[in-house]
């Protein structure tokens, strides 16, 4: 069982930056692929970024490529999402997710956090 707790969300002006963190419980964190998804009001949950358990492989949605960076610190059981050049359309609840095995860009993850709100004002 893995528990995920996100933090770092908030209100920021367009063009600003935020860094999300996701702290995971459990000693097997280093064996999990981790990902960030987001869900805006009235929309489906969508993939943002994912990182392999080694940290070597990373993937991004086209909408955030070049602006967002995912990373992980296995010693701290934490995955991060650095978000730069934020746009109003990035406004959403951001969720952290974990799964054993390879990275996926779909929602087929085993564990989910409760989410953290990111609001970007224009």
C-alpha atoms as a PDB file:
ATOM      1  CA  UNK A   1       0.000   0.000   0.000  1.00  0.00           C
ATOM      2  CA  UNK A   2       1.271   3.444  -0.921  1.00  0.00           C
ATOM      3  CA  UNK A   3      -0.115   6.715   0.350  1.00  0.00           C
ATOM      4  CA  UNK A   4       0.512   9.878  -1.632  1.00  0.00           C
ATOM      5  CA  UNK A   5       0.226  13.432  -0.325  1.00  0.00           C
ATOM      6  CA  UNK A   6       0.552  16.394  -2.673  1.00  0.00           C
ATOM      7  CA  UNK A   7       1.544  19.909  -1.671  1.00  0.00           C
ATOM      8  CA  UNK A   8       2.691  23.140  -3.255  1.00  0.00           C
ATOM      9  CA  UNK A   9      -0.425  24.238  -5.066  1.00  0.00           C
ATOM     10  CA  UNK A  10      -1.773  27.754  -4.887  1.00  0.00           C
ATOM     11  CA  UNK A  11      -2.681  30.896  -6.745  1.00  0.00           C
ATOM     12  CA  UNK A  12      -0.158  32.386  -9.149  1.00  0.00           C
ATOM     13  CA  UNK A  13      -0.233  34.950 -11.926  1.00  0.00           C
ATOM     14  CA  UNK A  14       0.253  33.945 -15.529  1.00  0.00           C
ATOM     15  CA  UNK A  15       3.924  33.581 -16.297  1.00  0.00           C
ATOM     16  CA  UNK A  16       4.727  32.583 -12.750  1.00  0.00           C
ATOM     17  CA  UNK A  17       6.045  29.337 -11.316  1.00  0.00           C
ATOM     18  CA  UNK A  18       5.044  26.723  -8.784  1.00  0.00           C
ATOM     19  CA  UNK A  19       6.683  23.559  -7.546  1.00  0.00           C
ATOM     20  CA  UNK A  20       4.453  20.681  -6.583  1.00  0.00           C
ATOM     21  CA  UNK A  21       5.636  17.921  -4.303  1.00  0.00           C
ATOM     22  CA  UNK A  22       4.248  14.465  -3.725  1.00  0.00           C
ATOM     23  CA  UNK A  23       5.394  12.620  -0.636  1.00  0.00           C
ATOM     24  CA  UNK A  24       4.934   8.869  -0.664  1.00  0.00           C
ATOM     25  CA  UNK A  25       4.809   6.435   2.198  1.00  0.00           C
ATOM     26  CA  UNK A  26       6.253   2.970   1.983  1.00  0.00           C
ATOM     27  CA  UNK A  27       9.667   1.534   1.452  1.00  0.00           C
ATOM     28  CA  UNK A  28       8.951   0.458  -2.103  1.00  0.00           C
ATOM     29  CA  UNK A  29       8.676   3.991  -3.475  1.00  0.00           C
ATOM     30  CA  UNK A  30      11.825   3.570  -5.481  1.00  0.00           C
ATOM     31  CA  UNK A  31      10.253   0.735  -7.445  1.00  0.00           C
ATOM     32  CA  UNK A  32       7.224   2.737  -8.587  1.00  0.00           C
ATOM     33  CA  UNK A  33       6.698   4.760 -11.706  1.00  0.00           C
ATOM     34  CA  UNK A  34       5.257   8.128 -10.701  1.00  0.00           C
ATOM     35  CA  UNK A  35       3.072  10.553 -12.576  1.00  0.00           C
ATOM     36  CA  UNK A  36       1.187  13.800 -12.399  1.00  0.00           C
ATOM     37  CA  UNK A  37      -2.304  14.249 -13.790  1.00  0.00           C
ATOM     38  CA  UNK A  38      -4.658  17.191 -13.645  1.00  0.00           C
ATOM     39  CA  UNK A  39      -8.360  17.778 -13.823  1.00  0.00           C
ATOM     40  CA  UNK A  40     -10.033  21.072 -14.600  1.00  0.00           C
ATOM     41  CA  UNK A  41     -13.695  21.702 -13.747  1.00  0.00           C
ATOM     42  CA  UNK A  42     -15.991  19.943 -16.175  1.00  0.00           C
ATOM     43  CA  UNK A  43     -13.142  18.126 -17.877  1.00  0.00           C
ATOM     44  CA  UNK A  44     -11.685  14.658 -17.714  1.00  0.00           C
ATOM     45  CA  UNK A  45      -8.525  13.925 -15.810  1.00  0.00           C
ATOM     46  CA  UNK A  46      -5.577  14.320 -18.155  1.00  0.00           C
ATOM     47  CA  UNK A  47      -1.980  13.192 -18.177  1.00  0.00           C
ATOM     48  CA  UNK A  48       0.680  15.784 -17.415  1.00  0.00           C
ATOM     49  CA  UNK A  49       3.965  13.956 -16.865  1.00  0.00           C
ATOM     50  CA  UNK A  50       5.483  10.686 -15.732  1.00  0.00           C
ATOM     51  CA  UNK A  51       8.863   9.449 -14.559  1.00  0.00           C
ATOM     52  CA  UNK A  52      10.303   5.969 -14.330  1.00  0.00           C
ATOM     53  CA  UNK A  53      11.475   4.514 -11.047  1.00  0.00           C
ATOM     54  CA  UNK A  54      15.097   5.196 -11.999  1.00  0.00           C
ATOM     55  CA  UNK A  55      14.310   8.750 -13.032  1.00  0.00           C
ATOM     56  CA  UNK A  56      15.874   8.122 -16.415  1.00  0.00           C
ATOM     57  CA  UNK A  57      12.690   8.126 -18.444  1.00  0.00           C
ATOM     58  CA  UNK A  58      10.360  11.110 -18.410  1.00  0.00           C
ATOM     59  CA  UNK A  59       7.382  11.945 -20.585  1.00  0.00           C
ATOM     60  CA  UNK A  60       5.272  15.053 -20.891  1.00  0.00           C
ATOM     61  CA  UNK A  61       1.981  16.080 -22.383  1.00  0.00           C
ATOM     62  CA  UNK A  62       2.482  18.327 -25.382  1.00  0.00           C
ATOM     63  CA  UNK A  63       0.648  21.111 -23.577  1.00  0.00           C
ATOM     64  CA  UNK A  64       3.314  21.331 -20.849  1.00  0.00           C
ATOM     65  CA  UNK A  65       6.437  20.263 -22.690  1.00  0.00           C
ATOM     66  CA  UNK A  66       9.227  22.792 -22.243  1.00  0.00           C
ATOM     67  CA  UNK A  67       7.487  24.430 -19.282  1.00  0.00           C
ATOM     68  CA  UNK A  68       7.125  21.651 -16.716  1.00  0.00           C
ATOM     69  CA  UNK A  69       9.829  19.374 -15.313  1.00  0.00           C
ATOM     70  CA  UNK A  70       9.240  16.189 -13.358  1.00  0.00           C
ATOM     71  CA  UNK A  71      11.861  14.799 -11.013  1.00  0.00           C
ATOM     72  CA  UNK A  72      12.132  12.441  -8.078  1.00  0.00           C
ATOM     73  CA  UNK A  73      14.246  11.919  -5.010  1.00  0.00           C
ATOM     74  CA  UNK A  74      14.038   8.278  -4.011  1.00  0.00           C
ATOM     75  CA  UNK A  75      15.918   8.948  -0.782  1.00  0.00           C
ATOM     76  CA  UNK A  76      13.127  11.298   0.254  1.00  0.00           C
ATOM     77  CA  UNK A  77      10.265   9.280  -1.257  1.00  0.00           C
ATOM     78  CA  UNK A  78       9.200  12.388  -3.110  1.00  0.00           C
ATOM     79  CA  UNK A  79       8.364  13.322  -6.675  1.00  0.00           C
ATOM     80  CA  UNK A  80       8.271  16.914  -7.867  1.00  0.00           C
ATOM     81  CA  UNK A  81       6.681  18.888 -10.653  1.00  0.00           C
ATOM     82  CA  UNK A  82       8.343  22.206 -11.416  1.00  0.00           C
ATOM     83  CA  UNK A  83       5.914  24.346 -13.352  1.00  0.00           C
ATOM     84  CA  UNK A  84       7.190  27.455 -15.122  1.00  0.00           C
ATOM     85  CA  UNK A  85       5.570  29.948 -17.479  1.00  0.00           C
ATOM     86  CA  UNK A  86       2.177  29.042 -16.117  1.00  0.00           C
ATOM     87  CA  UNK A  87      -0.909  29.830 -18.156  1.00  0.00           C
ATOM     88  CA  UNK A  88      -4.546  30.239 -17.098  1.00  0.00           C
ATOM     89  CA  UNK A  89      -5.319  26.983 -18.911  1.00  0.00           C
ATOM     90  CA  UNK A  90      -3.034  25.180 -16.455  1.00  0.00           C
ATOM     91  CA  UNK A  91      -5.620  25.829 -13.754  1.00  0.00           C
ATOM     92  CA  UNK A  92      -6.723  22.468 -12.359  1.00  0.00           C
ATOM     93  CA  UNK A  93      -6.466  20.083  -9.459  1.00  0.00           C
ATOM     94  CA  UNK A  94      -3.161  18.270  -9.805  1.00  0.00           C
ATOM     95  CA  UNK A  95      -2.926  14.654  -8.733  1.00  0.00           C
ATOM     96  CA  UNK A  96       0.075  12.497  -8.017  1.00  0.00           C
ATOM     97  CA  UNK A  97      -0.107   8.825  -8.965  1.00  0.00           C
ATOM     98  CA  UNK A  98       2.020   5.707  -8.582  1.00  0.00           C
ATOM     99  CA  UNK A  99       2.151   2.308 -10.182  1.00  0.00           C
ATOM    100  CA  UNK A 100       4.396  -0.693 -10.124  1.00  0.00           C
ATOM    101  CA  UNK A 101       5.961  -1.374 -13.490  1.00  0.00           C
ATOM    102  CA  UNK A 102       6.515   0.785 -16.518  1.00  0.00           C
ATOM    103  CA  UNK A 103       5.424   4.366 -16.963  1.00  0.00           C
ATOM    104  CA  UNK A 104       2.068   5.022 -18.610  1.00  0.00           C
ATOM    105  CA  UNK A 105       0.402   8.120 -19.937  1.00  0.00           C
ATOM    106  CA  UNK A 106      -3.054   6.780 -19.187  1.00  0.00           C
ATOM    107  CA  UNK A 107      -4.825   6.777 -15.821  1.00  0.00           C
ATOM    108  CA  UNK A 108      -3.964   3.118 -15.135  1.00  0.00           C
ATOM    109  CA  UNK A 109      -2.135   3.898 -11.951  1.00  0.00           C
ATOM    110  CA  UNK A 110      -2.586   1.961  -8.730  1.00  0.00           C
ATOM    111  CA  UNK A 111      -2.413   4.737  -6.170  1.00  0.00           C
ATOM    112  CA  UNK A 112      -3.591   8.330  -6.189  1.00  0.00           C
ATOM    113  CA  UNK A 113      -3.210  11.337  -3.970  1.00  0.00           C
ATOM    114  CA  UNK A 114      -6.053  13.644  -2.998  1.00  0.00           C
ATOM    115  CA  UNK A 115      -4.869  16.448  -5.245  1.00  0.00           C
ATOM    116  CA  UNK A 116      -3.695  20.018  -4.863  1.00  0.00           C
ATOM    117  CA  UNK A 117      -5.340  23.034  -6.471  1.00  0.00           C
ATOM    118  CA  UNK A 118      -3.374  25.171  -8.895  1.00  0.00           C
ATOM    119  CA  UNK A 119      -4.992  28.404 -10.030  1.00  0.00           C
ATOM    120  CA  UNK A 120      -3.351  30.652 -12.608  1.00  0.00           C
ATOM    121  CA  UNK A 121      -4.820  34.125 -12.962  1.00  0.00           C
ATOM    122  CA  UNK A 122      -4.581  36.141 -16.155  1.00  0.00           C
END
